[in-house]
């Protein structure tokens, strides 16, 4: 299906299978039950698992908006026929607001700086209270989540409106909105990552932590985008608008950000190892004990080496049987990376994983799927009236 323009163009109304709906509702129900049990029996374990699952799914949704925005601001034509899939990933953004507010309930269980008695006994944390305090955190979370929701509604909304009347001004307006969003995202997501993840160990700091989490965000969101493309290719609800060449290019993006993640991860480690400052080295020392060392090496092999080597051949980037497994591996490793950032702060020397981790992951993945299902049911699966659609239909990869 390399020459998509030779295939009849078909866009059917999305009708989710009963199995997909059952899975989404079932995961959400399991997660809600797990949340209630955790609030009663084990809040410490609940909030750590909640934070990991929430941040994981948030990165997928934000990655969808990032992919959409960079296609708009670069005026890319090749991706027009698949852009609606990444727009669908942004349907989770209202849950991002709610999830952040719910997280505030567990602040004292997660963050030492949210406990006055700990702050009073720790001079290092005291020196950071101008930034690390509950009131300022709430302000930052509201600015970030509401800002993401606003830009998402504006950018995706313009794309959806164009489906109704074909007005080219919506495409032109989205260039400016996407530029503004990328500038907002660059700063606010860095602070979001620092607030929710890095401040779990308030004595530690890394000047490229935001870049590290961004690299994982985009690599994993590209993997999820590929899974959506493969899903609709299999169901036949979209025919002729995209093919192996489009998947090839998304896979090339994914390979590129696999390398970028490894580069940033190594840069962060190397600078901290070379400087050998106690406030910095404690982060890696905690992750070099017990079972955490195995996960540290697991990230190296399964997040970088294996995906990188697997995606080198041209044929693999066009292999509809191989790609789903690579995408799933990258998504699992994104979850494990966030887990690795969070859990050693609470469980030094030993790895723990069980009901609460599964339940919270099910909760947010279920909500993510439900919101996307609703979005795709309501809107066209392809931006059918985009003025650059002819570029997407004639897209061909030669390397």
Protein backbone atom coordinates (compact mmCIF):
# COMPACT_ATOMS: atom_id res chain seq x y z
CA UNK A 1 0.00 0.00 0.00
CA UNK A 2 2.89 2.32 -0.79
CA UNK A 3 0.90 4.38 -3.34
CA UNK A 4 -2.11 5.32 -1.27
CA UNK A 5 -3.56 7.58 -4.00
CA UNK A 6 -4.23 4.50 -6.15
CA UNK A 7 -6.46 2.99 -3.48
CA UNK A 8 -10.12 4.07 -3.21
CA UNK A 9 -10.52 6.69 -0.48
CA UNK A 10 -12.82 5.44 2.26
CA UNK A 11 -13.56 6.92 5.69
CA UNK A 12 -16.20 5.06 7.62
CA UNK A 13 -17.91 6.18 10.80
CA UNK A 14 -16.03 4.74 13.74
CA UNK A 15 -17.98 2.01 15.49
CA UNK A 16 -15.93 0.58 18.36
CA UNK A 17 -16.09 -3.16 18.80
CA UNK A 18 -17.85 -4.53 21.83
CA UNK A 19 -14.56 -6.00 23.00
CA UNK A 20 -12.82 -2.61 22.89
CA UNK A 21 -15.61 -0.91 24.83
CA UNK A 22 -15.76 -3.73 27.38
CA UNK A 23 -12.00 -3.56 27.88
CA UNK A 24 -12.07 0.21 28.38
CA UNK A 25 -14.98 0.14 30.84
CA UNK A 26 -13.54 -2.90 32.61
CA UNK A 27 -10.14 -1.27 33.14
CA UNK A 28 -11.75 1.92 34.41
CA UNK A 29 -13.93 -0.03 36.84
CA UNK A 30 -10.96 -2.05 38.11
CA UNK A 31 -9.00 1.15 38.62
CA UNK A 32 -11.86 2.86 40.48
CA UNK A 33 -12.17 -0.17 42.77
CA UNK A 34 -8.41 -0.19 43.36
CA UNK A 35 -8.47 3.51 44.20
CA UNK A 36 -11.20 3.03 46.81
CA UNK A 37 -9.41 0.04 48.37
CA UNK A 38 -6.14 1.98 48.45
CA UNK A 39 -7.72 5.00 50.14
CA UNK A 40 -8.95 2.71 52.90
CA UNK A 41 -6.08 0.27 53.31
CA UNK A 42 -2.79 1.58 51.90
CA UNK A 43 -2.59 5.23 50.88
CA UNK A 44 1.20 5.27 50.59
CA UNK A 45 1.16 2.55 47.94
CA UNK A 46 -1.92 4.00 46.28
CA UNK A 47 -0.46 7.44 45.65
CA UNK A 48 2.87 6.18 44.30
CA UNK A 49 1.05 3.92 41.82
CA UNK A 50 -1.40 6.72 41.02
CA UNK A 51 1.43 9.16 40.23
CA UNK A 52 3.22 6.71 37.91
CA UNK A 53 0.08 5.75 35.96
CA UNK A 54 -1.20 9.33 35.78
CA UNK A 55 2.08 10.73 34.49
CA UNK A 56 2.44 7.86 32.01
CA UNK A 57 -0.93 8.42 30.35
CA UNK A 58 -0.52 12.21 30.55
CA UNK A 59 2.66 11.93 28.46
CA UNK A 60 0.80 9.98 25.77
CA UNK A 61 -1.91 12.62 25.50
CA UNK A 62 0.54 15.52 25.55
CA UNK A 63 2.66 13.72 22.98
CA UNK A 64 -0.35 13.56 20.69
CA UNK A 65 -0.77 17.32 20.95
CA UNK A 66 2.95 17.84 20.37
CA UNK A 67 2.88 15.75 17.18
CA UNK A 68 -0.18 17.69 15.99
CA UNK A 69 1.43 21.05 16.75
CA UNK A 70 4.73 20.37 14.99
CA UNK A 71 2.85 19.21 11.89
CA UNK A 72 0.93 22.49 11.91
CA UNK A 73 3.84 24.83 12.54
CA UNK A 74 6.05 23.14 9.92
CA UNK A 75 3.12 23.15 7.46
CA UNK A 76 3.69 19.44 6.88
CA UNK A 77 1.55 17.85 4.19
CA UNK A 78 2.58 14.19 4.45
CA UNK A 79 0.93 13.75 7.87
CA UNK A 80 -2.44 15.40 7.16
CA UNK A 81 -4.17 12.03 6.70
CA UNK A 82 -2.97 10.69 10.07
CA UNK A 83 -3.14 13.90 12.10
CA UNK A 84 -6.66 13.18 13.33
CA UNK A 85 -5.31 10.15 15.21
CA UNK A 86 -2.87 12.29 17.20
CA UNK A 87 -5.66 14.83 17.74
CA UNK A 88 -7.73 12.02 19.23
CA UNK A 89 -5.00 11.38 21.79
CA UNK A 90 -5.62 14.88 23.18
CA UNK A 91 -9.14 13.87 24.26
CA UNK A 92 -7.61 12.91 27.62
CA UNK A 93 -6.74 16.54 28.45
CA UNK A 94 -9.90 17.17 30.56
CA UNK A 95 -8.91 14.15 32.68
CA UNK A 96 -5.46 15.72 33.03
CA UNK A 97 -7.07 18.59 34.94
CA UNK A 98 -9.15 16.30 37.16
CA UNK A 99 -6.26 13.89 37.76
CA UNK A 100 -3.96 16.72 38.86
CA UNK A 101 -6.53 17.99 41.35
CA UNK A 102 -7.05 14.50 42.77
CA UNK A 103 -3.29 14.14 43.15
CA UNK A 104 -3.31 17.11 45.54
CA UNK A 105 -5.08 14.87 48.09
CA UNK A 106 -1.99 12.68 48.30
CA UNK A 107 0.65 15.42 48.38
CA UNK A 108 1.83 14.71 51.93
CA UNK A 109 2.13 11.00 51.18
CA UNK A 110 4.42 11.70 48.23
CA UNK A 111 6.40 14.90 48.73
CA UNK A 112 8.62 15.58 51.77
CA UNK A 113 8.46 19.33 51.11
CA UNK A 114 4.66 19.24 51.65
CA UNK A 115 5.19 18.20 55.29
CA UNK A 116 6.09 21.14 57.58
CA UNK A 117 7.79 18.92 60.16
CA UNK A 118 10.16 17.48 57.53
CA UNK A 119 10.90 20.91 56.11
CA UNK A 120 11.68 22.26 59.56
CA UNK A 121 14.33 19.58 60.11
CA UNK A 122 15.98 19.76 56.70
CA UNK A 123 17.98 22.89 55.74
CA UNK A 124 18.30 21.78 52.10
CA UNK A 125 14.52 21.66 51.65
CA UNK A 126 14.11 24.91 53.59
CA UNK A 127 16.29 26.65 50.99
CA UNK A 128 13.85 25.60 48.25
CA UNK A 129 10.53 26.46 49.89
CA UNK A 130 10.12 29.62 47.77
CA UNK A 131 9.37 27.24 44.91
CA UNK A 132 8.45 24.01 46.66
CA UNK A 133 5.32 24.94 48.56
CA UNK A 134 1.76 23.71 48.21
CA UNK A 135 0.18 27.02 47.22
CA UNK A 136 2.62 27.72 44.40
CA UNK A 137 2.35 24.12 43.20
CA UNK A 138 -1.42 24.42 42.86
CA UNK A 139 -0.99 27.61 40.82
CA UNK A 140 1.53 25.92 38.51
CA UNK A 141 -0.64 22.82 38.05
CA UNK A 142 -3.67 24.94 37.19
CA UNK A 143 -1.72 27.05 34.70
CA UNK A 144 -0.29 23.92 33.07
CA UNK A 145 -3.44 21.79 32.89
CA UNK A 146 -5.83 24.60 31.96
CA UNK A 147 -3.31 25.92 29.44
CA UNK A 148 -2.99 22.50 27.82
CA UNK A 149 -6.76 22.14 27.70
CA UNK A 150 -7.18 25.60 26.17
CA UNK A 151 -4.55 25.12 23.46
CA UNK A 152 -5.78 21.59 22.76
CA UNK A 153 -9.36 22.77 22.28
CA UNK A 154 -8.18 25.63 20.06
CA UNK A 155 -5.81 23.65 17.81
CA UNK A 156 -7.91 20.50 17.52
CA UNK A 157 -11.09 22.58 17.38
CA UNK A 158 -9.84 24.47 14.32
CA UNK A 159 -9.06 21.18 12.60
CA UNK A 160 -12.54 19.84 13.34
CA UNK A 161 -14.25 23.05 12.20
CA UNK A 162 -12.44 22.79 8.88
CA UNK A 163 -14.13 19.43 8.32
CA UNK A 164 -17.47 21.25 8.34
CA UNK A 165 -16.86 24.06 5.85
CA UNK A 166 -13.40 23.51 4.34
CA UNK A 167 -12.28 27.05 5.22
CA UNK A 168 -8.49 27.20 4.70
CA UNK A 169 -8.12 29.95 7.31
CA UNK A 170 -8.33 27.33 10.06
CA UNK A 171 -5.13 25.71 8.76
CA UNK A 172 -3.39 29.09 8.64
CA UNK A 173 -4.58 30.03 12.15
CA UNK A 174 -3.28 26.77 13.54
CA UNK A 175 0.26 27.69 12.56
CA UNK A 176 0.27 30.60 15.02
CA UNK A 177 -1.58 28.68 17.72
CA UNK A 178 0.85 25.77 17.41
CA UNK A 179 3.89 28.03 17.71
CA UNK A 180 2.42 29.60 20.84
CA UNK A 181 1.64 26.17 22.30
CA UNK A 182 5.14 24.79 21.70
CA UNK A 183 6.64 27.77 23.54
CA UNK A 184 4.18 27.27 26.41
CA UNK A 185 4.78 23.52 26.42
CA UNK A 186 8.59 23.79 26.51
CA UNK A 187 8.53 25.71 29.78
CA UNK A 188 5.43 24.34 31.46
CA UNK A 189 6.09 20.63 30.84
CA UNK A 190 9.60 21.00 32.25
CA UNK A 191 8.11 22.50 35.42
CA UNK A 192 5.36 19.84 35.45
CA UNK A 193 8.03 17.10 35.38
CA UNK A 194 10.07 18.79 38.10
CA UNK A 195 7.00 19.28 40.29
CA UNK A 196 5.58 15.77 40.01
CA UNK A 197 8.72 13.65 39.65
CA UNK A 198 11.99 15.37 40.47
CA UNK A 199 10.70 16.99 43.67
CA UNK A 200 9.95 13.54 45.14
CA UNK A 201 13.62 13.75 46.20
CA UNK A 202 13.85 17.49 46.90
CA UNK A 203 17.56 17.42 47.76
CA UNK A 204 18.35 16.17 44.23
CA UNK A 205 18.30 18.18 41.02
CA UNK A 206 19.12 17.83 37.34
CA UNK A 207 19.21 20.73 34.91
CA UNK A 208 18.05 18.54 31.98
CA UNK A 209 15.34 16.57 33.77
CA UNK A 210 12.58 18.22 31.72
CA UNK A 211 14.35 17.29 28.48
CA UNK A 212 14.74 13.71 29.72
CA UNK A 213 11.03 13.33 30.43
CA UNK A 214 10.15 15.03 27.12
CA UNK A 215 12.29 12.54 25.18
CA UNK A 216 10.38 9.67 26.75
CA UNK A 217 7.07 11.45 26.16
CA UNK A 218 7.55 11.79 22.42
CA UNK A 219 9.09 8.36 21.85
CA UNK A 220 6.18 6.64 23.61
CA UNK A 221 3.46 8.82 22.05
CA UNK A 222 4.79 7.99 18.59
CA UNK A 223 4.57 4.32 19.52
CA UNK A 224 0.94 4.79 20.55
CA UNK A 225 0.18 6.75 17.38
CA UNK A 226 1.55 3.87 15.33
CA UNK A 227 -0.70 1.44 17.20
CA UNK A 228 -3.74 3.59 16.32
CA UNK A 229 -2.68 3.66 12.68
CA UNK A 230 -2.23 -0.11 12.64
CA UNK A 231 -5.61 -0.58 14.35
CA UNK A 232 -7.58 1.42 11.77
CA UNK A 233 -5.61 -0.19 8.96
CA UNK A 234 -6.70 -3.59 10.27
CA UNK A 235 -10.37 -2.66 10.79
CA UNK A 236 -10.57 -1.02 7.35
CA UNK A 237 -12.42 2.05 8.66
CA UNK A 238 -9.83 4.25 6.90
CA UNK A 239 -8.69 3.13 3.46
CA UNK A 240 -6.47 4.86 0.93
CA UNK A 241 -5.60 7.89 3.03
CA UNK A 242 -2.42 6.47 4.57
CA UNK A 243 -0.27 3.42 4.08
CA UNK A 244 3.12 1.89 4.74
CA UNK A 245 4.95 5.07 3.76
CA UNK A 246 3.21 7.07 6.48
CA UNK A 247 3.92 4.38 9.07
CA UNK A 248 7.50 4.29 7.84
CA UNK A 249 7.93 8.00 8.60
CA UNK A 250 6.35 7.77 12.05
CA UNK A 251 8.65 4.81 12.79
CA UNK A 252 11.64 6.94 11.69
CA UNK A 253 10.55 9.62 14.15
CA UNK A 254 10.32 6.92 16.81
CA UNK A 255 13.81 5.64 16.03
CA UNK A 256 15.20 9.18 16.16
CA UNK A 257 13.71 9.83 19.59
CA UNK A 258 14.93 6.45 20.79
CA UNK A 259 18.43 7.76 20.16
CA UNK A 260 17.57 11.17 21.62
CA UNK A 261 16.27 9.58 24.85
CA UNK A 262 19.49 7.57 25.20
CA UNK A 263 21.60 10.68 24.55
CA UNK A 264 19.83 12.72 27.22
CA UNK A 265 19.82 9.80 29.70
CA UNK A 266 23.56 9.27 29.25
CA UNK A 267 24.30 13.00 29.41
CA UNK A 268 22.45 13.30 32.72
CA UNK A 269 24.23 10.27 34.17
CA UNK A 270 27.68 11.20 32.88
CA UNK A 271 27.58 14.78 34.20
CA UNK A 272 26.43 13.65 37.63
CA UNK A 273 28.99 10.82 37.76
CA UNK A 274 31.81 13.14 36.67
CA UNK A 275 30.93 15.92 39.14
CA UNK A 276 30.47 13.43 42.01
CA UNK A 277 28.46 15.87 44.13
CA UNK A 278 26.62 14.12 47.01
CA UNK A 279 23.35 15.99 46.36
CA UNK A 280 23.36 14.65 42.79
CA UNK A 281 24.81 11.15 43.12
CA UNK A 282 22.19 10.03 45.66
CA UNK A 283 19.66 9.68 42.84
CA UNK A 284 21.72 7.04 41.02
CA UNK A 285 22.95 5.36 44.19
CA UNK A 286 19.33 4.64 45.12
CA UNK A 287 18.83 3.04 41.71
CA UNK A 288 21.98 0.93 41.91
CA UNK A 289 20.85 -1.20 44.85
CA UNK A 290 18.94 -4.46 44.87
CA UNK A 291 16.37 -4.97 42.14
CA UNK A 292 16.63 -1.37 40.96
CA UNK A 293 19.95 -2.09 39.27
CA UNK A 294 18.23 -4.70 37.09
CA UNK A 295 15.62 -2.13 36.02
CA UNK A 296 18.35 0.43 35.34
CA UNK A 297 20.05 -1.96 32.93
CA UNK A 298 16.66 -3.06 31.61
CA UNK A 299 15.95 0.51 30.49
CA UNK A 300 19.28 0.62 28.69
CA UNK A 301 18.66 -2.59 26.77
CA UNK A 302 14.89 -2.58 26.23
CA UNK A 303 14.31 1.14 25.79
CA UNK A 304 17.34 1.95 23.68
CA UNK A 305 19.49 -0.90 22.35
CA UNK A 306 16.77 -3.31 21.21
CA UNK A 307 14.39 -0.70 19.66
CA UNK A 308 17.30 1.11 18.02
CA UNK A 309 18.76 -2.01 16.42
CA UNK A 310 15.32 -3.31 15.46
CA UNK A 311 14.33 -0.06 13.75
CA UNK A 312 17.53 0.30 11.73
CA UNK A 313 16.42 -1.85 8.74
CA UNK A 314 14.01 -0.19 6.33
CA UNK A 315 11.83 -3.27 6.18
CA UNK A 316 11.05 -3.31 9.90
CA UNK A 317 9.66 0.21 9.74
CA UNK A 318 7.14 -1.11 7.21
CA UNK A 319 6.45 -4.47 8.83
CA UNK A 320 2.89 -4.47 10.19
CA UNK A 321 3.59 -7.63 12.21
CA UNK A 322 6.83 -6.45 13.84
CA UNK A 323 5.89 -2.83 14.53
CA UNK A 324 3.12 -3.53 17.08
CA UNK A 325 5.52 -5.50 19.28
CA UNK A 326 8.16 -2.79 19.13
CA UNK A 327 5.55 -0.15 19.97
CA UNK A 328 4.30 -2.18 22.93
CA UNK A 329 7.88 -2.66 24.15
CA UNK A 330 8.51 1.10 24.04
CA UNK A 331 5.24 1.82 25.87
CA UNK A 332 6.07 -0.73 28.59
CA UNK A 333 9.51 0.83 28.96
CA UNK A 334 8.00 4.32 29.22
CA UNK A 335 5.90 3.10 32.12
CA UNK A 336 8.93 1.38 33.68
CA UNK A 337 11.01 4.54 33.25
CA UNK A 338 8.49 6.61 35.19
CA UNK A 339 8.19 3.79 37.75
CA UNK A 340 12.01 3.86 38.05
CA UNK A 341 11.92 7.62 38.63
CA UNK A 342 9.29 7.36 41.39
CA UNK A 343 9.50 4.12 43.35
CA UNK A 344 13.15 4.04 44.57
CA UNK A 345 12.34 7.17 46.58
CA UNK A 346 9.95 5.07 48.67
CA UNK A 347 11.24 1.49 48.36
CA UNK A 348 15.03 1.55 48.60
CA UNK A 349 16.81 -1.64 47.65
CA UNK A 350 13.78 -3.66 46.60
CA UNK A 351 11.27 -3.61 43.76
CA UNK A 352 7.56 -3.87 44.50
CA UNK A 353 4.78 -4.31 41.98
CA UNK A 354 1.28 -5.66 42.45
CA UNK A 355 -2.43 -4.93 42.63
CA UNK A 356 -2.26 -1.15 43.14
CA UNK A 357 0.14 -0.59 40.23
CA UNK A 358 -2.03 -2.70 37.91
CA UNK A 359 -5.25 -1.06 39.09
CA UNK A 360 -4.03 2.53 38.67
CA UNK A 361 -2.57 1.78 35.25
CA UNK A 362 -5.90 0.20 34.28
CA UNK A 363 -7.77 3.25 35.58
CA UNK A 364 -5.92 5.81 33.47
CA UNK A 365 -5.55 3.63 30.38
CA UNK A 366 -9.27 2.88 30.58
CA UNK A 367 -10.12 6.58 30.82
CA UNK A 368 -7.70 7.33 27.97
CA UNK A 369 -9.38 4.75 25.74
CA UNK A 370 -12.89 5.90 26.66
CA UNK A 371 -12.10 9.52 25.84
CA UNK A 372 -10.53 8.56 22.50
CA UNK A 373 -13.43 6.28 21.62
CA UNK A 374 -15.84 9.14 22.27
CA UNK A 375 -13.71 11.51 20.16
CA UNK A 376 -13.45 9.15 17.19
CA UNK A 377 -17.17 8.33 17.32
CA UNK A 378 -18.04 12.01 17.21
CA UNK A 379 -15.60 13.18 14.51
CA UNK A 380 -14.22 12.12 11.14
CA UNK A 381 -11.25 9.77 11.36
CA UNK A 382 -9.45 11.86 8.72
CA UNK A 383 -9.18 15.64 8.29
CA UNK A 384 -10.96 15.26 4.95
CA UNK A 385 -11.05 18.96 3.97
CA UNK A 386 -7.50 19.93 4.86
CA UNK A 387 -6.00 21.91 1.93
CA UNK A 388 -2.79 19.85 2.01
CA UNK A 389 -4.50 16.48 1.74
CA UNK A 390 -3.15 15.97 -1.79
CA UNK A 391 0.38 15.93 -0.36
CA UNK A 392 -0.53 13.15 2.07
CA UNK A 393 -2.21 11.10 -0.64
CA UNK A 394 0.87 11.25 -2.88
CA UNK A 395 3.38 10.73 -0.06
CA UNK A 396 6.12 8.24 -0.92
CA UNK A 397 9.24 7.31 1.08
CA UNK A 398 12.37 6.61 -0.97
CA UNK A 399 14.82 5.86 1.87
